[in-house]
Amino acid sequence: MFAELAESQRTRCLLHGDLHQANILFDDQRGWLAIDPKGVVGEPAYEFGAMLRNPKVELAKRRVAIIAERLGLDRKRVEAWAYAQAVLSAVWCIEDGDDPTRAIEASKLLIRVLA
């Protein structure tokens, strides 16, 4: 799925690369800030994978709907990128000798969102 998504990207741009709740902060003087960027190049639908790896299916579905509607993105591509990233995260954990349980659970959640 990751390879298919990568090959079929139409619009590519510079992305944050690790956009999730812990990397979005509010500062009284500067407003909302995205911190700890990774500088990834890809399609905008890729950006939200980290944000969607959440333990509740309904919350993930709601976030996908909001993201797709507000940003004019293809809902299925947002979901598919999130799933592909969750699987990739599990593989990286295994390679690094870390516990992949959280990433595996996220991929199980996201495959339910795709259904």
PDB file of N, CA and C in Angstrom:
ATOM      1  N   MET A   1       0.825  -1.189   0.000  1.00  0.00           N
ATOM      2  CA  MET A   1       0.000   0.000   0.000  1.00  0.00           C
ATOM      3  C   MET A   1       0.876   1.262   0.000  1.00  0.00           C
ATOM      4  N   PHE A   2       1.944   1.248   0.816  1.00  0.00           N
ATOM      5  CA  PHE A   2       2.837   2.407   0.879  1.00  0.00           C
ATOM      6  C   PHE A   2       3.418   2.714  -0.505  1.00  0.00           C
ATOM      7  N   ALA A   3       3.889   1.678  -1.192  1.00  0.00           N
ATOM      8  CA  ALA A   3       4.476   1.866  -2.519  1.00  0.00           C
ATOM      9  C   ALA A   3       3.441   2.403  -3.509  1.00  0.00           C
ATOM     10  N   GLU A   4       2.228   1.868  -3.474  1.00  0.00           N
ATOM     11  CA  GLU A   4       1.169   2.336  -4.370  1.00  0.00           C
ATOM     12  C   GLU A   4       0.832   3.795  -4.109  1.00  0.00           C
ATOM     13  N   LEU A   5       0.732   4.164  -2.831  1.00  0.00           N
ATOM     14  CA  LEU A   5       0.439   5.554  -2.491  1.00  0.00           C
ATOM     15  C   LEU A   5       1.567   6.474  -2.959  1.00  0.00           C
ATOM     16  N   ALA A   6       2.802   6.072  -2.716  1.00  0.00           N
ATOM     17  CA  ALA A   6       3.950   6.893  -3.105  1.00  0.00           C
ATOM     18  C   ALA A   6       3.996   7.089  -4.624  1.00  0.00           C
ATOM     19  N   GLU A   7       3.730   6.024  -5.367  1.00  0.00           N
ATOM     20  CA  GLU A   7       3.767   6.109  -6.832  1.00  0.00           C
ATOM     21  C   GLU A   7       2.636   6.958  -7.401  1.00  0.00           C
ATOM     22  N   SER A   8       1.510   7.011  -6.716  1.00  0.00           N
ATOM     23  CA  SER A   8       0.341   7.702  -7.266  1.00  0.00           C
ATOM     24  C   SER A   8       0.161   9.124  -6.726  1.00  0.00           C
ATOM     25  N   GLN A   9       1.156   9.646  -6.027  1.00  0.00           N
ATOM     26  CA  GLN A   9       1.065  11.021  -5.537  1.00  0.00           C
ATOM     27  C   GLN A   9       0.983  11.988  -6.713  1.00  0.00           C
ATOM     28  N   ARG A  10       0.131  12.976  -6.603  1.00  0.00           N
ATOM     29  CA  ARG A  10       0.025  13.982  -7.651  1.00  0.00           C
ATOM     30  C   ARG A  10       0.761  15.249  -7.241  1.00  0.00           C
ATOM     31  N   THR A  11       0.331  15.843  -6.173  1.00  0.00           N
ATOM     32  CA  THR A  11       0.921  17.082  -5.692  1.00  0.00           C
ATOM     33  C   THR A  11       1.852  16.772  -4.533  1.00  0.00           C
ATOM     34  N   ARG A  12       3.097  17.201  -4.640  1.00  0.00           N
ATOM     35  CA  ARG A  12       4.062  16.995  -3.558  1.00  0.00           C
ATOM     36  C   ARG A  12       4.543  18.356  -3.056  1.00  0.00           C
ATOM     37  N   CYS A  13       4.745  18.441  -1.746  1.00  0.00           N
ATOM     38  CA  CYS A  13       5.215  19.680  -1.149  1.00  0.00           C
ATOM     39  C   CYS A  13       5.995  19.350   0.122  1.00  0.00           C
ATOM     40  N   LEU A  14       6.571  20.360   0.730  1.00  0.00           N
ATOM     41  CA  LEU A  14       7.290  20.174   1.975  1.00  0.00           C
ATOM     42  C   LEU A  14       6.279  20.034   3.106  1.00  0.00           C
ATOM     43  N   LEU A  15       6.425  18.975   3.899  1.00  0.00           N
ATOM     44  CA  LEU A  15       5.511  18.684   4.996  1.00  0.00           C
ATOM     45  C   LEU A  15       6.256  18.717   6.324  1.00  0.00           C
ATOM     46  N   HIS A  16       5.538  18.851   7.393  1.00  0.00           N
ATOM     47  CA  HIS A  16       6.115  18.789   8.740  1.00  0.00           C
ATOM     48  C   HIS A  16       6.757  17.422   8.956  1.00  0.00           C
ATOM     49  N   GLY A  17       6.002  16.358   8.684  1.00  0.00           N
ATOM     50  CA  GLY A  17       6.534  15.000   8.753  1.00  0.00           C
ATOM     51  C   GLY A  17       6.275  14.264  10.054  1.00  0.00           C
ATOM     52  N   ASP A  18       5.883  14.971  11.106  1.00  0.00           N
ATOM     53  CA  ASP A  18       5.575  14.326  12.392  1.00  0.00           C
ATOM     54  C   ASP A  18       4.517  15.147  13.124  1.00  0.00           C
ATOM     55  N   LEU A  19       3.477  15.494  12.396  1.00  0.00           N
ATOM     56  CA  LEU A  19       2.437  16.365  12.931  1.00  0.00           C
ATOM     57  C   LEU A  19       1.456  15.555  13.771  1.00  0.00           C
ATOM     58  N   HIS A  20       1.490  15.772  15.067  1.00  0.00           N
ATOM     59  CA  HIS A  20       0.554  15.131  15.995  1.00  0.00           C
ATOM     60  C   HIS A  20       0.340  16.046  17.189  1.00  0.00           C
ATOM     61  N   GLN A  21      -0.534  15.642  18.086  1.00  0.00           N
ATOM     62  CA  GLN A  21      -0.974  16.481  19.184  1.00  0.00           C
ATOM     63  C   GLN A  21       0.177  17.034  20.027  1.00  0.00           C
ATOM     64  N   ALA A  22       1.199  16.250  20.275  1.00  0.00           N
ATOM     65  CA  ALA A  22       2.306  16.702  21.123  1.00  0.00           C
ATOM     66  C   ALA A  22       3.224  17.694  20.405  1.00  0.00           C
ATOM     67  N   ASN A  23       3.110  17.800  19.097  1.00  0.00           N
ATOM     68  CA  ASN A  23       3.944  18.723  18.336  1.00  0.00           C
ATOM     69  C   ASN A  23       3.193  19.973  17.890  1.00  0.00           C
ATOM     70  N   ILE A  24       2.011  20.177  18.440  1.00  0.00           N
ATOM     71  CA  ILE A  24       1.248  21.390  18.161  1.00  0.00           C
ATOM     72  C   ILE A  24       1.000  22.074  19.504  1.00  0.00           C
ATOM     73  N   LEU A  25       1.549  23.273  19.645  1.00  0.00           N
ATOM     74  CA  LEU A  25       1.490  24.002  20.905  1.00  0.00           C
ATOM     75  C   LEU A  25       0.867  25.373  20.701  1.00  0.00           C
ATOM     76  N   PHE A  26       0.324  25.931  21.777  1.00  0.00           N
ATOM     77  CA  PHE A  26      -0.204  27.284  21.724  1.00  0.00           C
ATOM     78  C   PHE A  26       0.658  28.185  22.586  1.00  0.00           C
ATOM     79  N   ASP A  27       1.100  29.302  22.005  1.00  0.00           N
ATOM     80  CA  ASP A  27       1.894  30.297  22.705  1.00  0.00           C
ATOM     81  C   ASP A  27       1.078  31.585  22.755  1.00  0.00           C
ATOM     82  N   ASP A  28       0.970  32.203  23.925  1.00  0.00           N
ATOM     83  CA  ASP A  28       0.155  33.411  24.066  1.00  0.00           C
ATOM     84  C   ASP A  28       0.574  34.538  23.131  1.00  0.00           C
ATOM     85  N   GLN A  29       1.855  34.620  22.810  1.00  0.00           N
ATOM     86  CA  GLN A  29       2.327  35.702  21.949  1.00  0.00           C
ATOM     87  C   GLN A  29       2.347  35.341  20.475  1.00  0.00           C
ATOM     88  N   ARG A  30       2.640  34.079  20.152  1.00  0.00           N
ATOM     89  CA  ARG A  30       2.784  33.680  18.750  1.00  0.00           C
ATOM     90  C   ARG A  30       1.631  32.854  18.212  1.00  0.00           C
ATOM     91  N   GLY A  31       0.715  32.437  19.066  1.00  0.00           N
ATOM     92  CA  GLY A  31      -0.412  31.621  18.623  1.00  0.00           C
ATOM     93  C   GLY A  31      -0.026  30.157  18.494  1.00  0.00           C
ATOM     94  N   TRP A  32      -0.652  29.457  17.568  1.00  0.00           N
ATOM     95  CA  TRP A  32      -0.405  28.028  17.375  1.00  0.00           C
ATOM     96  C   TRP A  32       0.927  27.801  16.671  1.00  0.00           C
ATOM     97  N   LEU A  33       1.684  26.836  17.162  1.00  0.00           N
ATOM     98  CA  LEU A  33       2.996  26.512  16.616  1.00  0.00           C
ATOM     99  C   LEU A  33       3.112  25.014  16.390  1.00  0.00           C
ATOM    100  N   ALA A  34       3.727  24.643  15.291  1.00  0.00           N
ATOM    101  CA  ALA A  34       4.075  23.243  15.050  1.00  0.00           C
ATOM    102  C   ALA A  34       5.565  23.111  15.317  1.00  0.00           C
ATOM    103  N   ILE A  35       5.930  22.231  16.256  1.00  0.00           N
ATOM    104  CA  ILE A  35       7.335  22.074  16.625  1.00  0.00           C
ATOM    105  C   ILE A  35       7.881  20.737  16.136  1.00  0.00           C
ATOM    106  N   ASP A  36       9.179  20.580  16.191  1.00  0.00           N
ATOM    107  CA  ASP A  36       9.887  19.340  15.874  1.00  0.00           C
ATOM    108  C   ASP A  36       9.608  18.816  14.458  1.00  0.00           C
ATOM    109  N   PRO A  37       9.726  19.684  13.449  1.00  0.00           N
ATOM    110  CA  PRO A  37       9.468  19.222  12.078  1.00  0.00           C
ATOM    111  C   PRO A  37      10.551  18.262  11.595  1.00  0.00           C
ATOM    112  N   LYS A  38      10.154  17.339  10.711  1.00  0.00           N
ATOM    113  CA  LYS A  38      11.090  16.381  10.125  1.00  0.00           C
ATOM    114  C   LYS A  38      11.462  16.755   8.691  1.00  0.00           C
ATOM    115  N   GLY A  39      10.657  17.604   8.059  1.00  0.00           N
ATOM    116  CA  GLY A  39      10.970  18.040   6.704  1.00  0.00           C
ATOM    117  C   GLY A  39      10.830  16.935   5.675  1.00  0.00           C
ATOM    118  N   VAL A  40       9.638  16.414   5.531  1.00  0.00           N
ATOM    119  CA  VAL A  40       9.346  15.334   4.586  1.00  0.00           C
ATOM    120  C   VAL A  40       8.708  15.941   3.332  1.00  0.00           C
ATOM    121  N   VAL A  41       9.039  15.400   2.176  1.00  0.00           N
ATOM    122  CA  VAL A  41       8.397  15.822   0.930  1.00  0.00           C
ATOM    123  C   VAL A  41       7.386  14.756   0.548  1.00  0.00           C
ATOM    124  N   GLY A  42       6.153  15.179   0.302  1.00  0.00           N
ATOM    125  CA  GLY A  42       5.105  14.244  -0.084  1.00  0.00           C
ATOM    126  C   GLY A  42       3.806  14.976  -0.324  1.00  0.00           C
ATOM    127  N   GLU A  43       2.761  14.206  -0.571  1.00  0.00           N
ATOM    128  CA  GLU A  43       1.463  14.828  -0.796  1.00  0.00           C
ATOM    129  C   GLU A  43       0.842  15.227   0.538  1.00  0.00           C
ATOM    130  N   PRO A  44      -0.013  16.240   0.546  1.00  0.00           N
ATOM    131  CA  PRO A  44      -0.601  16.702   1.795  1.00  0.00           C
ATOM    132  C   PRO A  44      -1.339  15.614   2.588  1.00  0.00           C
ATOM    133  N   ALA A  45      -1.934  14.641   1.931  1.00  0.00           N
ATOM    134  CA  ALA A  45      -2.660  13.579   2.644  1.00  0.00           C
ATOM    135  C   ALA A  45      -1.732  12.747   3.528  1.00  0.00           C
ATOM    136  N   TYR A  46      -0.443  12.723   3.222  1.00  0.00           N
ATOM    137  CA  TYR A  46       0.535  11.984   4.016  1.00  0.00           C
ATOM    138  C   TYR A  46       0.700  12.583   5.417  1.00  0.00           C
ATOM    139  N   GLU A  47       0.561  13.878   5.509  1.00  0.00           N
ATOM    140  CA  GLU A  47       0.912  14.628   6.715  1.00  0.00           C
ATOM    141  C   GLU A  47       0.215  14.166   7.992  1.00  0.00           C
ATOM    142  N   PHE A  48      -0.951  13.581   7.901  1.00  0.00           N
ATOM    143  CA  PHE A  48      -1.772  13.372   9.084  1.00  0.00           C
ATOM    144  C   PHE A  48      -1.684  11.978   9.687  1.00  0.00           C
ATOM    145  N   GLY A  49      -0.801  11.138   9.173  1.00  0.00           N
ATOM    146  CA  GLY A  49      -0.665   9.776   9.689  1.00  0.00           C
ATOM    147  C   GLY A  49      -0.378   9.726  11.172  1.00  0.00           C
ATOM    148  N   ALA A  50       0.574  10.522  11.637  1.00  0.00           N
ATOM    149  CA  ALA A  50       0.935  10.508  13.067  1.00  0.00           C
ATOM    150  C   ALA A  50      -0.234  10.970  13.930  1.00  0.00           C
ATOM    151  N   MET A  51      -1.016  11.908  13.436  1.00  0.00           N
ATOM    152  CA  MET A  51      -2.145  12.438  14.196  1.00  0.00           C
ATOM    153  C   MET A  51      -3.290  11.427  14.320  1.00  0.00           C
ATOM    154  N   LEU A  52      -3.355  10.484  13.395  1.00  0.00           N
ATOM    155  CA  LEU A  52      -4.484   9.552  13.363  1.00  0.00           C
ATOM    156  C   LEU A  52      -4.208   8.234  14.075  1.00  0.00           C
ATOM    157  N   ARG A  53      -3.008   8.027  14.544  1.00  0.00           N
ATOM    158  CA  ARG A  53      -2.704   6.803  15.287  1.00  0.00           C
ATOM    159  C   ARG A  53      -3.200   6.983  16.710  1.00  0.00           C
ATOM    160  N   ASN A  54      -4.486   6.763  16.895  1.00  0.00           N
ATOM    161  CA  ASN A  54      -5.167   7.022  18.152  1.00  0.00           C
ATOM    162  C   ASN A  54      -5.936   5.778  18.556  1.00  0.00           C
ATOM    163  N   PRO A  55      -6.103   5.547  19.854  1.00  0.00           N
ATOM    164  CA  PRO A  55      -6.726   4.291  20.291  1.00  0.00           C
ATOM    165  C   PRO A  55      -8.237   4.164  20.095  1.00  0.00           C
ATOM    166  N   LYS A  56      -8.915   5.148  19.549  1.00  0.00           N
ATOM    167  CA  LYS A  56     -10.365   5.062  19.389  1.00  0.00           C
ATOM    168  C   LYS A  56     -10.760   5.235  17.924  1.00  0.00           C
ATOM    169  N   VAL A  57     -11.456   4.253  17.394  1.00  0.00           N
ATOM    170  CA  VAL A  57     -11.852   4.267  15.984  1.00  0.00           C
ATOM    171  C   VAL A  57     -12.712   5.482  15.655  1.00  0.00           C
ATOM    172  N   GLU A  58     -13.689   5.777  16.469  1.00  0.00           N
ATOM    173  CA  GLU A  58     -14.603   6.886  16.162  1.00  0.00           C
ATOM    174  C   GLU A  58     -13.872   8.219  16.135  1.00  0.00           C
ATOM    175  N   LEU A  59     -12.905   8.407  17.026  1.00  0.00           N
ATOM    176  CA  LEU A  59     -12.128   9.640  17.025  1.00  0.00           C
ATOM    177  C   LEU A  59     -11.284   9.741  15.756  1.00  0.00           C
ATOM    178  N   ALA A  60     -10.659   8.641  15.363  1.00  0.00           N
ATOM    179  CA  ALA A  60      -9.863   8.644  14.131  1.00  0.00           C
ATOM    180  C   ALA A  60     -10.750   8.947  12.921  1.00  0.00           C
ATOM    181  N   LYS A  61     -11.929   8.340  12.862  1.00  0.00           N
ATOM    182  CA  LYS A  61     -12.850   8.603  11.743  1.00  0.00           C
ATOM    183  C   LYS A  61     -13.260  10.071  11.704  1.00  0.00           C
ATOM    184  N   ARG A  62     -13.541  10.630  12.874  1.00  0.00           N
ATOM    185  CA  ARG A  62     -13.937  12.039  12.954  1.00  0.00           C
ATOM    186  C   ARG A  62     -12.804  12.943  12.487  1.00  0.00           C
ATOM    187  N   ARG A  63     -11.576  12.645  12.929  1.00  0.00           N
ATOM    188  CA  ARG A  63     -10.429  13.450  12.518  1.00  0.00           C
ATOM    189  C   ARG A  63     -10.216  13.372  11.007  1.00  0.00           C
ATOM    190  N   VAL A  64     -10.339  12.176  10.446  1.00  0.00           N
ATOM    191  CA  VAL A  64     -10.182  12.017   8.998  1.00  0.00           C
ATOM    192  C   VAL A  64     -11.227  12.870   8.272  1.00  0.00           C
ATOM    193  N   ALA A  65     -12.466  12.806   8.718  1.00  0.00           N
ATOM    194  CA  ALA A  65     -13.538  13.574   8.069  1.00  0.00           C
ATOM    195  C   ALA A  65     -13.244  15.070   8.127  1.00  0.00           C
ATOM    196  N   ILE A  66     -12.807  15.563   9.276  1.00  0.00           N
ATOM    197  CA  ILE A  66     -12.508  16.993   9.426  1.00  0.00           C
ATOM    198  C   ILE A  66     -11.335  17.388   8.539  1.00  0.00           C
ATOM    199  N   ILE A  67     -10.261  16.615   8.597  1.00  0.00           N
ATOM    200  CA  ILE A  67      -9.072  16.916   7.797  1.00  0.00           C
ATOM    201  C   ILE A  67      -9.414  16.936   6.313  1.00  0.00           C
ATOM    202  N   ALA A  68     -10.103  15.905   5.841  1.00  0.00           N
ATOM    203  CA  ALA A  68     -10.437  15.812   4.421  1.00  0.00           C
ATOM    204  C   ALA A  68     -11.342  16.961   3.985  1.00  0.00           C
ATOM    205  N   GLU A  69     -12.340  17.257   4.789  1.00  0.00           N
ATOM    206  CA  GLU A  69     -13.283  18.317   4.422  1.00  0.00           C
ATOM    207  C   GLU A  69     -12.623  19.693   4.441  1.00  0.00           C
ATOM    208  N   ARG A  70     -11.958  20.007   5.521  1.00  0.00           N
ATOM    209  CA  ARG A  70     -11.381  21.353   5.680  1.00  0.00           C
ATOM    210  C   ARG A  70     -10.224  21.630   4.722  1.00  0.00           C
ATOM    211  N   LEU A  71      -9.473  20.583   4.385  1.00  0.00           N
ATOM    212  CA  LEU A  71      -8.296  20.787   3.531  1.00  0.00           C
ATOM    213  C   LEU A  71      -8.513  20.329   2.098  1.00  0.00           C
ATOM    214  N   GLY A  72      -9.709  19.817   1.805  1.00  0.00           N
ATOM    215  CA  GLY A  72     -10.014  19.388   0.441  1.00  0.00           C
ATOM    216  C   GLY A  72      -9.191  18.194  -0.004  1.00  0.00           C
ATOM    217  N   LEU A  73      -8.912  17.274   0.932  1.00  0.00           N
ATOM    218  CA  LEU A  73      -8.106  16.089   0.616  1.00  0.00           C
ATOM    219  C   LEU A  73      -8.991  14.872   0.422  1.00  0.00           C
ATOM    220  N   ASP A  74      -8.493  13.915  -0.304  1.00  0.00           N
ATOM    221  CA  ASP A  74      -9.189  12.649  -0.516  1.00  0.00           C
ATOM    222  C   ASP A  74      -9.160  11.846   0.789  1.00  0.00           C
ATOM    223  N   ARG A  75     -10.331  11.606   1.360  1.00  0.00           N
ATOM    224  CA  ARG A  75     -10.446  10.907   2.643  1.00  0.00           C
ATOM    225  C   ARG A  75      -9.765   9.546   2.626  1.00  0.00           C
ATOM    226  N   LYS A  76      -9.945   8.796   1.562  1.00  0.00           N
ATOM    227  CA  LYS A  76      -9.360   7.455   1.472  1.00  0.00           C
ATOM    228  C   LYS A  76      -7.830   7.505   1.457  1.00  0.00           C
ATOM    229  N   ARG A  77      -7.268   8.523   0.830  1.00  0.00           N
ATOM    230  CA  ARG A  77      -5.798   8.643   0.811  1.00  0.00           C
ATOM    231  C   ARG A  77      -5.271   9.030   2.190  1.00  0.00           C
ATOM    232  N   VAL A  78      -5.973   9.894   2.887  1.00  0.00           N
ATOM    233  CA  VAL A  78      -5.571  10.249   4.258  1.00  0.00           C
ATOM    234  C   VAL A  78      -5.573   8.991   5.125  1.00  0.00           C
ATOM    235  N   GLU A  79      -6.633   8.210   5.038  1.00  0.00           N
ATOM    236  CA  GLU A  79      -6.735   6.962   5.817  1.00  0.00           C
ATOM    237  C   GLU A  79      -5.644   5.968   5.420  1.00  0.00           C
ATOM    238  N   ALA A  80      -5.439   5.807   4.125  1.00  0.00           N
ATOM    239  CA  ALA A  80      -4.456   4.830   3.653  1.00  0.00           C
ATOM    240  C   ALA A  80      -3.039   5.211   4.071  1.00  0.00           C
ATOM    241  N   TRP A  81      -2.699   6.499   3.976  1.00  0.00           N
ATOM    242  CA  TRP A  81      -1.374   6.936   4.417  1.00  0.00           C
ATOM    243  C   TRP A  81      -1.202   6.700   5.919  1.00  0.00           C
ATOM    244  N   ALA A  82      -2.226   6.969   6.692  1.00  0.00           N
ATOM    245  CA  ALA A  82      -2.138   6.753   8.144  1.00  0.00           C
ATOM    246  C   ALA A  82      -1.894   5.277   8.449  1.00  0.00           C
ATOM    247  N   TYR A  83      -2.607   4.396   7.770  1.00  0.00           N
ATOM    248  CA  TYR A  83      -2.415   2.950   7.962  1.00  0.00           C
ATOM    249  C   TYR A  83      -1.001   2.537   7.553  1.00  0.00           C
ATOM    250  N   ALA A  84      -0.560   2.963   6.382  1.00  0.00           N
ATOM    251  CA  ALA A  84       0.770   2.597   5.895  1.00  0.00           C
ATOM    252  C   ALA A  84       1.853   3.090   6.852  1.00  0.00           C
ATOM    253  N   GLN A  85       1.680   4.282   7.400  1.00  0.00           N
ATOM    254  CA  GLN A  85       2.653   4.811   8.351  1.00  0.00           C
ATOM    255  C   GLN A  85       2.648   4.029   9.662  1.00  0.00           C
ATOM    256  N   ALA A  86       1.481   3.577  10.101  1.00  0.00           N
ATOM    257  CA  ALA A  86       1.407   2.782  11.333  1.00  0.00           C
ATOM    258  C   ALA A  86       2.147   1.459  11.166  1.00  0.00           C
ATOM    259  N   VAL A  87       1.966   0.815  10.024  1.00  0.00           N
ATOM    260  CA  VAL A  87       2.678  -0.438   9.751  1.00  0.00           C
ATOM    261  C   VAL A  87       4.185  -0.172   9.683  1.00  0.00           C
ATOM    262  N   LEU A  88       4.569   0.890   8.994  1.00  0.00           N
ATOM    263  CA  LEU A  88       5.986   1.247   8.901  1.00  0.00           C
ATOM    264  C   LEU A  88       6.571   1.528  10.287  1.00  0.00           C
ATOM    265  N   SER A  89       5.821   2.191  11.135  1.00  0.00           N
ATOM    266  CA  SER A  89       6.267   2.470  12.496  1.00  0.00           C
ATOM    267  C   SER A  89       6.515   1.179  13.267  1.00  0.00           C
ATOM    268  N   ALA A  90       5.641   0.190  13.094  1.00  0.00           N
ATOM    269  CA  ALA A  90       5.821  -1.114  13.754  1.00  0.00           C
ATOM    270  C   ALA A  90       7.099  -1.787  13.266  1.00  0.00           C
ATOM    271  N   VAL A  91       7.352  -1.728  11.972  1.00  0.00           N
ATOM    272  CA  VAL A  91       8.569  -2.322  11.406  1.00  0.00           C
ATOM    273  C   VAL A  91       9.804  -1.640  11.977  1.00  0.00           C
ATOM    274  N   TRP A  92       9.783  -0.316  12.039  1.00  0.00           N
ATOM    275  CA  TRP A  92      10.924   0.409  12.603  1.00  0.00           C
ATOM    276  C   TRP A  92      11.161   0.034  14.062  1.00  0.00           C
ATOM    277  N   CYS A  93      10.085  -0.122  14.832  1.00  0.00           N
ATOM    278  CA  CYS A  93      10.224  -0.527  16.238  1.00  0.00           C
ATOM    279  C   CYS A  93      10.924  -1.887  16.328  1.00  0.00           C
ATOM    280  N   ILE A  94      10.484  -2.822  15.503  1.00  0.00           N
ATOM    281  CA  ILE A  94      11.082  -4.161  15.510  1.00  0.00           C
ATOM    282  C   ILE A  94      12.556  -4.077  15.129  1.00  0.00           C
ATOM    283  N   GLU A  95      12.864  -3.319  14.081  1.00  0.00           N
ATOM    284  CA  GLU A  95      14.264  -3.158  13.654  1.00  0.00           C
ATOM    285  C   GLU A  95      15.135  -2.555  14.755  1.00  0.00           C
ATOM    286  N   ASP A  96      14.568  -1.626  15.527  1.00  0.00           N
ATOM    287  CA  ASP A  96      15.317  -0.944  16.580  1.00  0.00           C
ATOM    288  C   ASP A  96      15.329  -1.702  17.898  1.00  0.00           C
ATOM    289  N   GLY A  97      14.631  -2.852  17.938  1.00  0.00           N
ATOM    290  CA  GLY A  97      14.562  -3.624  19.167  1.00  0.00           C
ATOM    291  C   GLY A  97      13.601  -3.045  20.191  1.00  0.00           C
ATOM    292  N   ASP A  98      12.704  -2.159  19.748  1.00  0.00           N
ATOM    293  CA  ASP A  98      11.705  -1.558  20.625  1.00  0.00           C
ATOM    294  C   ASP A  98      10.397  -2.350  20.557  1.00  0.00           C
ATOM    295  N   ASP A  99       9.538  -2.111  21.508  1.00  0.00           N
ATOM    296  CA  ASP A  99       8.243  -2.786  21.557  1.00  0.00           C
ATOM    297  C   ASP A  99       7.323  -2.220  20.470  1.00  0.00           C
ATOM    298  N   PRO A 100       6.868  -3.039  19.521  1.00  0.00           N
ATOM    299  CA  PRO A 100       6.025  -2.557  18.428  1.00  0.00           C
ATOM    300  C   PRO A 100       4.526  -2.568  18.756  1.00  0.00           C
ATOM    301  N   THR A 101       4.164  -2.922  19.983  1.00  0.00           N
ATOM    302  CA  THR A 101       2.751  -3.127  20.329  1.00  0.00           C
ATOM    303  C   THR A 101       1.884  -1.922  19.986  1.00  0.00           C
ATOM    304  N   ARG A 102       2.316  -0.730  20.373  1.00  0.00           N
ATOM    305  CA  ARG A 102       1.496   0.462  20.126  1.00  0.00           C
ATOM    306  C   ARG A 102       1.279   0.690  18.623  1.00  0.00           C
ATOM    307  N   ALA A 103       2.331   0.529  17.830  1.00  0.00           N
ATOM    308  CA  ALA A 103       2.213   0.726  16.383  1.00  0.00           C
ATOM    309  C   ALA A 103       1.326  -0.351  15.755  1.00  0.00           C
ATOM    310  N   ILE A 104       1.439  -1.573  16.241  1.00  0.00           N
ATOM    311  CA  ILE A 104       0.593  -2.663  15.722  1.00  0.00           C
ATOM    312  C   ILE A 104      -0.863  -2.391  16.065  1.00  0.00           C
ATOM    313  N   GLU A 105      -1.115  -1.953  17.289  1.00  0.00           N
ATOM    314  CA  GLU A 105      -2.490  -1.624  17.683  1.00  0.00           C
ATOM    315  C   GLU A 105      -3.035  -0.471  16.837  1.00  0.00           C
ATOM    316  N   ALA A 106      -2.187   0.516  16.560  1.00  0.00           N
ATOM    317  CA  ALA A 106      -2.615   1.627  15.704  1.00  0.00           C
ATOM    318  C   ALA A 106      -2.960   1.136  14.302  1.00  0.00           C
ATOM    319  N   SER A 107      -2.164   0.217  13.771  1.00  0.00           N
ATOM    320  CA  SER A 107      -2.470  -0.305  12.424  1.00  0.00           C
ATOM    321  C   SER A 107      -3.773  -1.089  12.433  1.00  0.00           C
ATOM    322  N   LYS A 108      -4.043  -1.826  13.509  1.00  0.00           N
ATOM    323  CA  LYS A 108      -5.318  -2.551  13.619  1.00  0.00           C
ATOM    324  C   LYS A 108      -6.493  -1.574  13.676  1.00  0.00           C
ATOM    325  N   LEU A 109      -6.306  -0.491  14.414  1.00  0.00           N
ATOM    326  CA  LEU A 109      -7.339   0.538  14.487  1.00  0.00           C
ATOM    327  C   LEU A 109      -7.594   1.130  13.111  1.00  0.00           C
ATOM    328  N   LEU A 110      -6.520   1.497  12.432  1.00  0.00           N
ATOM    329  CA  LEU A 110      -6.659   2.185  11.155  1.00  0.00           C
ATOM    330  C   LEU A 110      -7.195   1.298  10.051  1.00  0.00           C
ATOM    331  N   ILE A 111      -6.940   0.006  10.113  1.00  0.00           N
ATOM    332  CA  ILE A 111      -7.529  -0.885   9.107  1.00  0.00           C
ATOM    333  C   ILE A 111      -9.043  -0.945   9.296  1.00  0.00           C
ATOM    334  N   ARG A 112      -9.497  -0.758  10.539  1.00  0.00           N
ATOM    335  CA  ARG A 112     -10.954  -0.677  10.799  1.00  0.00           C
ATOM    336  C   ARG A 112     -11.524   0.625  10.270  1.00  0.00           C
ATOM    337  N   VAL A 113     -10.757   1.699  10.329  1.00  0.00           N
ATOM    338  CA  VAL A 113     -11.196   2.972   9.784  1.00  0.00           C
ATOM    339  C   VAL A 113     -11.322   2.880   8.268  1.00  0.00           C
ATOM    340  N   LEU A 114     -10.397   2.141   7.633  1.00  0.00           N
ATOM    341  CA  LEU A 114     -10.436   1.992   6.182  1.00  0.00           C
ATOM    342  C   LEU A 114     -11.643   1.172   5.712  1.00  0.00           C
ATOM    343  N   ALA A 115     -12.139   0.321   6.567  1.00  0.00           N
ATOM    344  CA  ALA A 115     -13.236  -0.582   6.186  1.00  0.00           C
ATOM    345  C   ALA A 115     -14.538   0.175   5.938  1.00  0.00           C
TER     346      ALA A 115
END
